[in-house]
Structure formats: C-alpha cells, structure tokens
Amino acid sequence: MGKRIKITLDKFYVHNYPGLGTHNILCEFAGRNQAKSAAEPLQFALRFRARDKDAAAIGGVPLFLGLTVGANGISFEGRTINVSSDGDETVLSTLDSPAFQSGLKLLTTTQPALKPLSSLAEAVVKNVLKRRFNKQVHSFDLGLDFGANVSSARLQLGTYLVVQSNLSADWKWDAFVWNTDAQVLQAKDQGQPVDFNYMVFGISDYVADPED
C-alpha cells in the first residue's frame, strides 16, 4: 500500500488476427492511481504493427510510471483492436506524439493535466471502433491485490502474461514454459511457440526523478 510502481508492455505476440498481411493494432489500457486526495482514473493508448505468428517490434514500452498502489491493490484493464480502415490513420497518428510515447507519468497528488490526455486516448479508441471494419479482438480485466485467495492474482513485482485462449477451464499453466533465450511462450512438450495471442507486462519499482 502506498508503493509506487511502473507498468510496462514488454511483448505483444500475434498468433492470428483478422485479415491478411501486417496488422495495424490499437491497444487501450486503463487503471487507477491512488493519489493522496483521491483515486485518479487513467487511460492510455498506443498502436503498433505486427504480422501473424510474430511479435510486434516493441519491448519495455512504458504505460504507467509512478502508479501509487491503493489498500486493495490495483485494477488494470486492457483491450486490443484490429484496425482495418485506412481512413483512421489521421486519428491514430495522435498516438505518435511525444505525450503518448513515454507513458503516463504520475505524481503522488492528483494531476489536472492527466484528464485531457486520458480523455484523448479514450476518444481515439471510440472513434476507431465506430468504423465498420475495425474489430475488438481481446479484452482483459486484472484485479491484482494482496490476498492469498487461489482464485485471484497476487500483486507483486515481476512479469505477467495475459493470454487470449478458448481453453478456459482446461487451461493449465504447467503445460507451458517461458523460453528466456527466445523470449517466447512455448508448449512444454513440443518446444514450439503457442498458437494463441498473448501480451507480457512487467511490474517493477518506480524510481522517481528528483522533481517528482
């Protein structure tokens, strides 16, 4: 509680997305910063390109920097959208600005300047989803807390994998292994990359700048 952390997107692997060729992918992430005076809702978006059975050319992309953990942990949500309309390039180019390239940098007090930036990210996503050929591919909602319940995810420093799979109740983590050399998730008995989409997030201690 009260600890400040950094959340990064370390890998984005595409096994199969709608359409052919290189996919234009839009990601939206949401969370909540427990500032001293109030809980501060956050939204952030980024875009990149990737082909089927390949990873996007990203690594350690900052999402939330200096996120303050509340008494009940953190809530972290995300969704991915496959952008098929060429007409959305002008809207998406907003996410190439410096404000969206360095993640959301948070303070221990509420920041009025964050609201317009979060609202802009939300508006970009809503605008893209209005187009008929653009489709949401995946969404997730992680509640990371300090409890010992086996049915919930525990908040700790390290790496988190979010997998898009239809295995549901049949899913078994011990059937997979992380290849540290190739930086890919593999089936343990086959040694081959998995046949589903996944994202890898890192949660680490935040080292504040002197002016924070």
C-alpha atoms as a PDB file:
ATOM      1  CA  MET A   1       0.000   0.000   0.000  1.00  0.00           C
ATOM      2  CA  GLY A   2       1.364   3.414  -0.970  1.00  0.00           C
ATOM      3  CA  LYS A   3       4.137   1.848  -3.044  1.00  0.00           C
ATOM      4  CA  ARG A   4       4.840   3.402  -6.451  1.00  0.00           C
ATOM      5  CA  ILE A   5       5.281   1.053  -9.383  1.00  0.00           C
ATOM      6  CA  LYS A   6       5.965   1.094 -13.103  1.00  0.00           C
ATOM      7  CA  ILE A   7       3.905  -0.956 -15.583  1.00  0.00           C
ATOM      8  CA  THR A   8       5.404  -1.715 -18.995  1.00  0.00           C
ATOM      9  CA  LEU A   9       4.285  -3.643 -22.063  1.00  0.00           C
ATOM     10  CA  ASP A  10       7.230  -5.965 -22.669  1.00  0.00           C
ATOM     11  CA  LYS A  11       5.941  -8.134 -25.510  1.00  0.00           C
ATOM     12  CA  PHE A  12       2.926  -8.436 -27.796  1.00  0.00           C
ATOM     13  CA  TYR A  13       2.675 -11.695 -29.742  1.00  0.00           C
ATOM     14  CA  VAL A  14       0.180 -12.217 -32.555  1.00  0.00           C
ATOM     15  CA  HIS A  15      -0.700 -15.773 -33.494  1.00  0.00           C
ATOM     16  CA  ASN A  16      -3.731 -14.873 -35.560  1.00  0.00           C
ATOM     17  CA  TYR A  17      -5.599 -11.607 -36.136  1.00  0.00           C
ATOM     18  CA  PRO A  18      -8.408 -10.867 -38.614  1.00  0.00           C
ATOM     19  CA  GLY A  19      -7.265 -10.167 -42.160  1.00  0.00           C
ATOM     20  CA  LEU A  20      -4.035 -10.772 -44.052  1.00  0.00           C
ATOM     21  CA  GLY A  21      -0.584  -9.239 -44.062  1.00  0.00           C
ATOM     22  CA  THR A  22       0.595  -6.748 -41.471  1.00  0.00           C
ATOM     23  CA  HIS A  23      -1.994  -5.851 -38.832  1.00  0.00           C
ATOM     24  CA  ASN A  24      -2.454  -2.326 -37.512  1.00  0.00           C
ATOM     25  CA  ILE A  25      -3.195  -2.870 -33.807  1.00  0.00           C
ATOM     26  CA  LEU A  26      -4.578  -0.356 -31.326  1.00  0.00           C
ATOM     27  CA  CYS A  27      -4.258  -1.048 -27.591  1.00  0.00           C
ATOM     28  CA  GLU A  28      -6.092   0.739 -24.797  1.00  0.00           C
ATOM     29  CA  PHE A  29      -5.144   0.379 -21.133  1.00  0.00           C
ATOM     30  CA  ALA A  30      -6.951   1.659 -18.056  1.00  0.00           C
ATOM     31  CA  GLY A  31      -6.080   1.806 -14.384  1.00  0.00           C
ATOM     32  CA  ARG A  32      -6.448   3.909 -11.264  1.00  0.00           C
ATOM     33  CA  ASN A  33      -3.813   5.932  -9.448  1.00  0.00           C
ATOM     34  CA  GLN A  34      -4.307   6.217  -5.682  1.00  0.00           C
ATOM     35  CA  ALA A  35      -3.247   9.836  -5.243  1.00  0.00           C
ATOM     36  CA  LYS A  36      -3.266  11.422  -1.787  1.00  0.00           C
ATOM     37  CA  SER A  37      -6.519  13.320  -2.230  1.00  0.00           C
ATOM     38  CA  ALA A  38      -8.470  10.951  -4.487  1.00  0.00           C
ATOM     39  CA  ALA A  39      -8.354   7.932  -6.754  1.00  0.00           C
ATOM     40  CA  GLU A  40      -7.355   9.099 -10.225  1.00  0.00           C
ATOM     41  CA  PRO A  41      -8.779   7.196 -13.249  1.00  0.00           C
ATOM     42  CA  LEU A  42      -6.275   6.642 -16.041  1.00  0.00           C
ATOM     43  CA  GLN A  43      -6.487   5.710 -19.710  1.00  0.00           C
ATOM     44  CA  PHE A  44      -3.654   5.249 -22.149  1.00  0.00           C
ATOM     45  CA  ALA A  45      -3.440   4.055 -25.739  1.00  0.00           C
ATOM     46  CA  LEU A  46      -0.745   3.038 -28.183  1.00  0.00           C
ATOM     47  CA  ARG A  47      -0.561   1.495 -31.616  1.00  0.00           C
ATOM     48  CA  PHE A  48       1.885  -0.726 -33.477  1.00  0.00           C
ATOM     49  CA  ARG A  49       2.076  -3.221 -36.331  1.00  0.00           C
ATOM     50  CA  ALA A  50       2.593  -6.982 -36.319  1.00  0.00           C
ATOM     51  CA  ARG A  51       2.101  -9.988 -38.581  1.00  0.00           C
ATOM     52  CA  ASP A  52       0.578 -13.363 -37.724  1.00  0.00           C
ATOM     53  CA  LYS A  53       2.929 -15.718 -35.856  1.00  0.00           C
ATOM     54  CA  ASP A  54       5.235 -12.862 -34.973  1.00  0.00           C
ATOM     55  CA  ALA A  55       5.755 -10.320 -32.215  1.00  0.00           C
ATOM     56  CA  ALA A  56       5.417  -6.571 -32.530  1.00  0.00           C
ATOM     57  CA  ALA A  57       8.699  -4.676 -32.569  1.00  0.00           C
ATOM     58  CA  ILE A  58       8.320  -3.368 -29.025  1.00  0.00           C
ATOM     59  CA  GLY A  59       9.900  -4.032 -25.655  1.00  0.00           C
ATOM     60  CA  GLY A  60       9.543  -2.384 -22.269  1.00  0.00           C
ATOM     61  CA  VAL A  61       7.078   0.224 -23.531  1.00  0.00           C
ATOM     62  CA  PRO A  62       6.095   2.404 -20.538  1.00  0.00           C
ATOM     63  CA  LEU A  63       2.377   2.545 -19.776  1.00  0.00           C
ATOM     64  CA  PHE A  64       2.017   3.904 -16.234  1.00  0.00           C
ATOM     65  CA  LEU A  65       5.022   5.394 -14.415  1.00  0.00           C
ATOM     66  CA  GLY A  66       4.773   6.065 -10.689  1.00  0.00           C
ATOM     67  CA  LEU A  67       1.380   4.410 -10.200  1.00  0.00           C
ATOM     68  CA  THR A  68       0.539   4.508  -6.483  1.00  0.00           C
ATOM     69  CA  VAL A  69      -0.883   1.236  -5.164  1.00  0.00           C
ATOM     70  CA  GLY A  70      -4.040   1.507  -3.071  1.00  0.00           C
ATOM     71  CA  ALA A  71      -5.012  -0.511   0.002  1.00  0.00           C
ATOM     72  CA  ASN A  72      -6.793  -3.077  -2.175  1.00  0.00           C
ATOM     73  CA  GLY A  73      -4.101  -3.363  -4.827  1.00  0.00           C
ATOM     74  CA  ILE A  74      -4.620  -2.187  -8.390  1.00  0.00           C
ATOM     75  CA  SER A  75      -7.112  -2.659 -11.193  1.00  0.00           C
ATOM     76  CA  PHE A  76      -5.605  -2.983 -14.660  1.00  0.00           C
ATOM     77  CA  GLU A  77      -7.705  -3.327 -17.796  1.00  0.00           C
ATOM     78  CA  GLY A  78      -6.912  -3.510 -21.474  1.00  0.00           C
ATOM     79  CA  ARG A  79      -8.284  -4.281 -24.891  1.00  0.00           C
ATOM     80  CA  THR A  80      -6.898  -4.706 -28.385  1.00  0.00           C
ATOM     81  CA  ILE A  81      -8.461  -3.575 -31.648  1.00  0.00           C
ATOM     82  CA  ASN A  82      -7.592  -4.658 -35.164  1.00  0.00           C
ATOM     83  CA  VAL A  83      -7.724  -1.527 -37.337  1.00  0.00           C
ATOM     84  CA  SER A  84      -8.685  -2.322 -40.931  1.00  0.00           C
ATOM     85  CA  SER A  85      -9.797   1.105 -42.147  1.00  0.00           C
ATOM     86  CA  ASP A  86      -7.093   3.171 -43.868  1.00  0.00           C
ATOM     87  CA  GLY A  87      -9.130   6.273 -43.089  1.00  0.00           C
ATOM     88  CA  ASP A  88      -8.198   6.009 -39.402  1.00  0.00           C
ATOM     89  CA  GLU A  89      -4.520   6.851 -39.948  1.00  0.00           C
ATOM     90  CA  THR A  90      -5.038  10.541 -39.209  1.00  0.00           C
ATOM     91  CA  VAL A  91      -6.749   9.751 -35.906  1.00  0.00           C
ATOM     92  CA  LEU A  92      -4.165   7.136 -34.930  1.00  0.00           C
ATOM     93  CA  SER A  93      -1.277   9.495 -35.676  1.00  0.00           C
ATOM     94  CA  THR A  94      -2.270  11.300 -32.467  1.00  0.00           C
ATOM     95  CA  LEU A  95      -0.751   8.372 -30.584  1.00  0.00           C
ATOM     96  CA  ASP A  96       2.631   9.009 -32.231  1.00  0.00           C
ATOM     97  CA  SER A  97       3.033  12.290 -30.354  1.00  0.00           C
ATOM     98  CA  PRO A  98       5.633  12.518 -27.543  1.00  0.00           C
ATOM     99  CA  ALA A  99       2.854  12.580 -24.935  1.00  0.00           C
ATOM    100  CA  PHE A 100       1.926   9.002 -25.855  1.00  0.00           C
ATOM    101  CA  GLN A 101       5.426   7.688 -26.487  1.00  0.00           C
ATOM    102  CA  SER A 102       6.707   7.935 -22.925  1.00  0.00           C
ATOM    103  CA  GLY A 103       3.769   6.564 -20.923  1.00  0.00           C
ATOM    104  CA  LEU A 104       1.687   8.323 -18.286  1.00  0.00           C
ATOM    105  CA  LYS A 105       3.967   9.780 -15.630  1.00  0.00           C
ATOM    106  CA  LEU A 106       2.100  10.041 -12.343  1.00  0.00           C
ATOM    107  CA  LEU A 107       2.633  12.017  -9.161  1.00  0.00           C
ATOM    108  CA  THR A 108       1.506  11.340  -5.604  1.00  0.00           C
ATOM    109  CA  THR A 109      -1.042  14.151  -5.927  1.00  0.00           C
ATOM    110  CA  THR A 110      -3.838  14.462  -8.484  1.00  0.00           C
ATOM    111  CA  GLN A 111      -2.822  15.998 -11.818  1.00  0.00           C
ATOM    112  CA  PRO A 112      -5.416  18.063 -13.713  1.00  0.00           C
ATOM    113  CA  ALA A 113      -3.326  17.718 -16.893  1.00  0.00           C
ATOM    114  CA  LEU A 114      -3.851  13.948 -16.937  1.00  0.00           C
ATOM    115  CA  LYS A 115      -7.583  14.148 -17.546  1.00  0.00           C
ATOM    116  CA  PRO A 116      -7.334  15.695 -21.046  1.00  0.00           C
ATOM    117  CA  LEU A 117      -4.690  13.146 -22.051  1.00  0.00           C
ATOM    118  CA  SER A 118      -6.763  10.222 -20.773  1.00  0.00           C
ATOM    119  CA  SER A 119      -9.853  11.664 -22.470  1.00  0.00           C
ATOM    120  CA  LEU A 120      -7.943  11.982 -25.748  1.00  0.00           C
ATOM    121  CA  ALA A 121      -6.882   8.328 -25.580  1.00  0.00           C
ATOM    122  CA  GLU A 122     -10.478   7.311 -24.899  1.00  0.00           C
ATOM    123  CA  ALA A 123     -11.747   9.435 -27.799  1.00  0.00           C
ATOM    124  CA  VAL A 124      -9.263   7.897 -30.242  1.00  0.00           C
ATOM    125  CA  VAL A 125     -10.376   4.376 -29.327  1.00  0.00           C
ATOM    126  CA  LYS A 126     -14.089   5.231 -29.528  1.00  0.00           C
ATOM    127  CA  ASN A 127     -13.610   6.880 -32.909  1.00  0.00           C
ATOM    128  CA  VAL A 128     -11.767   3.858 -34.304  1.00  0.00           C
ATOM    129  CA  LEU A 129     -14.383   1.402 -33.032  1.00  0.00           C
ATOM    130  CA  LYS A 130     -17.132   3.302 -34.850  1.00  0.00           C
ATOM    131  CA  ARG A 131     -15.711   2.137 -38.166  1.00  0.00           C
ATOM    132  CA  ARG A 132     -17.457  -0.938 -39.513  1.00  0.00           C
ATOM    133  CA  PHE A 133     -14.321  -2.904 -40.402  1.00  0.00           C
ATOM    134  CA  ASN A 134     -12.435  -2.278 -37.149  1.00  0.00           C
ATOM    135  CA  LYS A 135     -12.920  -5.037 -34.588  1.00  0.00           C
ATOM    136  CA  GLN A 136     -12.086  -5.541 -30.933  1.00  0.00           C
ATOM    137  CA  VAL A 137     -10.065  -8.744 -30.709  1.00  0.00           C
ATOM    138  CA  HIS A 138      -9.432  -9.180 -26.993  1.00  0.00           C
ATOM    139  CA  SER A 139     -10.117  -7.572 -23.622  1.00  0.00           C
ATOM    140  CA  PHE A 140      -8.995  -8.318 -20.076  1.00  0.00           C
ATOM    141  CA  ASP A 141      -9.569  -7.024 -16.561  1.00  0.00           C
ATOM    142  CA  LEU A 142      -6.979  -7.854 -13.902  1.00  0.00           C
ATOM    143  CA  GLY A 143      -7.509  -7.213 -10.220  1.00  0.00           C
ATOM    144  CA  LEU A 144      -4.126  -7.542  -8.510  1.00  0.00           C
ATOM    145  CA  ASP A 145      -4.351  -7.496  -4.726  1.00  0.00           C
ATOM    146  CA  PHE A 146      -2.584  -8.624  -1.569  1.00  0.00           C
ATOM    147  CA  GLY A 147      -4.887 -11.517  -0.678  1.00  0.00           C
ATOM    148  CA  ALA A 148      -3.994 -15.192  -0.548  1.00  0.00           C
ATOM    149  CA  ASN A 149      -7.047 -16.402  -2.473  1.00  0.00           C
ATOM    150  CA  VAL A 150      -6.179 -19.033  -5.070  1.00  0.00           C
ATOM    151  CA  SER A 151      -8.809 -17.585  -7.405  1.00  0.00           C
ATOM    152  CA  SER A 152      -7.282 -14.096  -7.553  1.00  0.00           C
ATOM    153  CA  ALA A 153      -3.981 -12.730  -8.845  1.00  0.00           C
ATOM    154  CA  ARG A 154      -1.499 -11.504  -6.263  1.00  0.00           C
ATOM    155  CA  LEU A 155       0.206  -8.166  -6.777  1.00  0.00           C
ATOM    156  CA  GLN A 156       3.970  -8.489  -6.773  1.00  0.00           C
ATOM    157  CA  LEU A 157       6.931  -7.261  -8.783  1.00  0.00           C
ATOM    158  CA  GLY A 158       7.648  -9.385 -11.833  1.00  0.00           C
ATOM    159  CA  THR A 159       6.232 -10.475 -15.174  1.00  0.00           C
ATOM    160  CA  TYR A 160       2.577 -11.099 -16.025  1.00  0.00           C
ATOM    161  CA  LEU A 161       1.271 -12.897 -19.114  1.00  0.00           C
ATOM    162  CA  VAL A 162      -2.209 -12.193 -20.460  1.00  0.00           C
ATOM    163  CA  VAL A 163      -3.260 -14.948 -22.845  1.00  0.00           C
ATOM    164  CA  GLN A 164      -6.157 -14.943 -25.307  1.00  0.00           C
ATOM    165  CA  SER A 165      -7.354 -18.545 -25.383  1.00  0.00           C
ATOM    166  CA  ASN A 166     -10.596 -20.507 -25.642  1.00  0.00           C
ATOM    167  CA  LEU A 167      -9.321 -23.266 -23.347  1.00  0.00           C
ATOM    168  CA  SER A 168     -10.951 -21.580 -20.308  1.00  0.00           C
ATOM    169  CA  ALA A 169     -11.334 -24.216 -17.552  1.00  0.00           C
ATOM    170  CA  ASP A 170      -8.966 -26.607 -19.363  1.00  0.00           C
ATOM    171  CA  TRP A 171      -6.083 -24.154 -19.171  1.00  0.00           C
ATOM    172  CA  LYS A 172      -3.001 -25.482 -17.349  1.00  0.00           C
ATOM    173  CA  TRP A 173      -0.017 -23.213 -16.849  1.00  0.00           C
ATOM    174  CA  ASP A 174       2.263 -26.154 -16.143  1.00  0.00           C
ATOM    175  CA  ALA A 175       1.815 -27.233 -19.780  1.00  0.00           C
ATOM    176  CA  PHE A 176       3.755 -24.160 -20.921  1.00  0.00           C
ATOM    177  CA  VAL A 177       7.219 -22.728 -20.379  1.00  0.00           C
ATOM    178  CA  TRP A 178       8.814 -19.344 -20.980  1.00  0.00           C
ATOM    179  CA  ASN A 179      11.873 -19.577 -23.241  1.00  0.00           C
ATOM    180  CA  THR A 180      14.191 -16.947 -21.771  1.00  0.00           C
ATOM    181  CA  ASP A 181      16.589 -17.096 -24.732  1.00  0.00           C
ATOM    182  CA  ALA A 182      13.973 -16.574 -27.453  1.00  0.00           C
ATOM    183  CA  GLN A 183      11.654 -14.573 -25.163  1.00  0.00           C
ATOM    184  CA  VAL A 184       8.597 -16.579 -26.242  1.00  0.00           C
ATOM    185  CA  LEU A 185       5.935 -18.710 -24.566  1.00  0.00           C
ATOM    186  CA  GLN A 186       6.135 -22.338 -25.660  1.00  0.00           C
ATOM    187  CA  ALA A 187       4.269 -25.594 -25.138  1.00  0.00           C
ATOM    188  CA  LYS A 188       6.427 -27.600 -22.750  1.00  0.00           C
ATOM    189  CA  ASP A 189       6.065 -30.924 -24.581  1.00  0.00           C
ATOM    190  CA  GLN A 190       6.629 -29.523 -28.095  1.00  0.00           C
ATOM    191  CA  GLY A 191       9.059 -26.652 -27.709  1.00  0.00           C
ATOM    192  CA  GLN A 192       7.100 -24.649 -30.285  1.00  0.00           C
ATOM    193  CA  PRO A 193       5.562 -21.175 -29.948  1.00  0.00           C
ATOM    194  CA  VAL A 194       1.992 -21.308 -28.657  1.00  0.00           C
ATOM    195  CA  ASP A 195      -0.951 -20.996 -31.038  1.00  0.00           C
ATOM    196  CA  PHE A 196      -2.701 -18.054 -29.373  1.00  0.00           C
ATOM    197  CA  ASN A 197      -2.233 -14.315 -28.932  1.00  0.00           C
ATOM    198  CA  TYR A 198      -0.635 -13.041 -25.730  1.00  0.00           C
ATOM    199  CA  MET A 199       0.798  -9.958 -24.040  1.00  0.00           C
ATOM    200  CA  VAL A 200       3.587  -9.708 -21.484  1.00  0.00           C
ATOM    201  CA  PHE A 201       3.582  -6.962 -18.859  1.00  0.00           C
ATOM    202  CA  GLY A 202       6.267  -6.014 -16.374  1.00  0.00           C
ATOM    203  CA  ILE A 203       5.629  -4.547 -12.921  1.00  0.00           C
ATOM    204  CA  SER A 204       8.669  -3.048 -11.237  1.00  0.00           C
ATOM    205  CA  ASP A 205       9.619  -0.486  -8.616  1.00  0.00           C
ATOM    206  CA  TYR A 206       9.350   3.083  -9.817  1.00  0.00           C
ATOM    207  CA  VAL A 207      12.444   5.216  -9.346  1.00  0.00           C
ATOM    208  CA  ALA A 208      11.274   8.805  -9.118  1.00  0.00           C
ATOM    209  CA  ASP A 209      13.023  11.686 -10.819  1.00  0.00           C
ATOM    210  CA  PRO A 210      14.278  14.395  -8.427  1.00  0.00           C
ATOM    211  CA  GLU A 211      11.432  16.705  -9.469  1.00  0.00           C
ATOM    212  CA  ASP A 212       8.689  14.101  -8.753  1.00  0.00           C
END
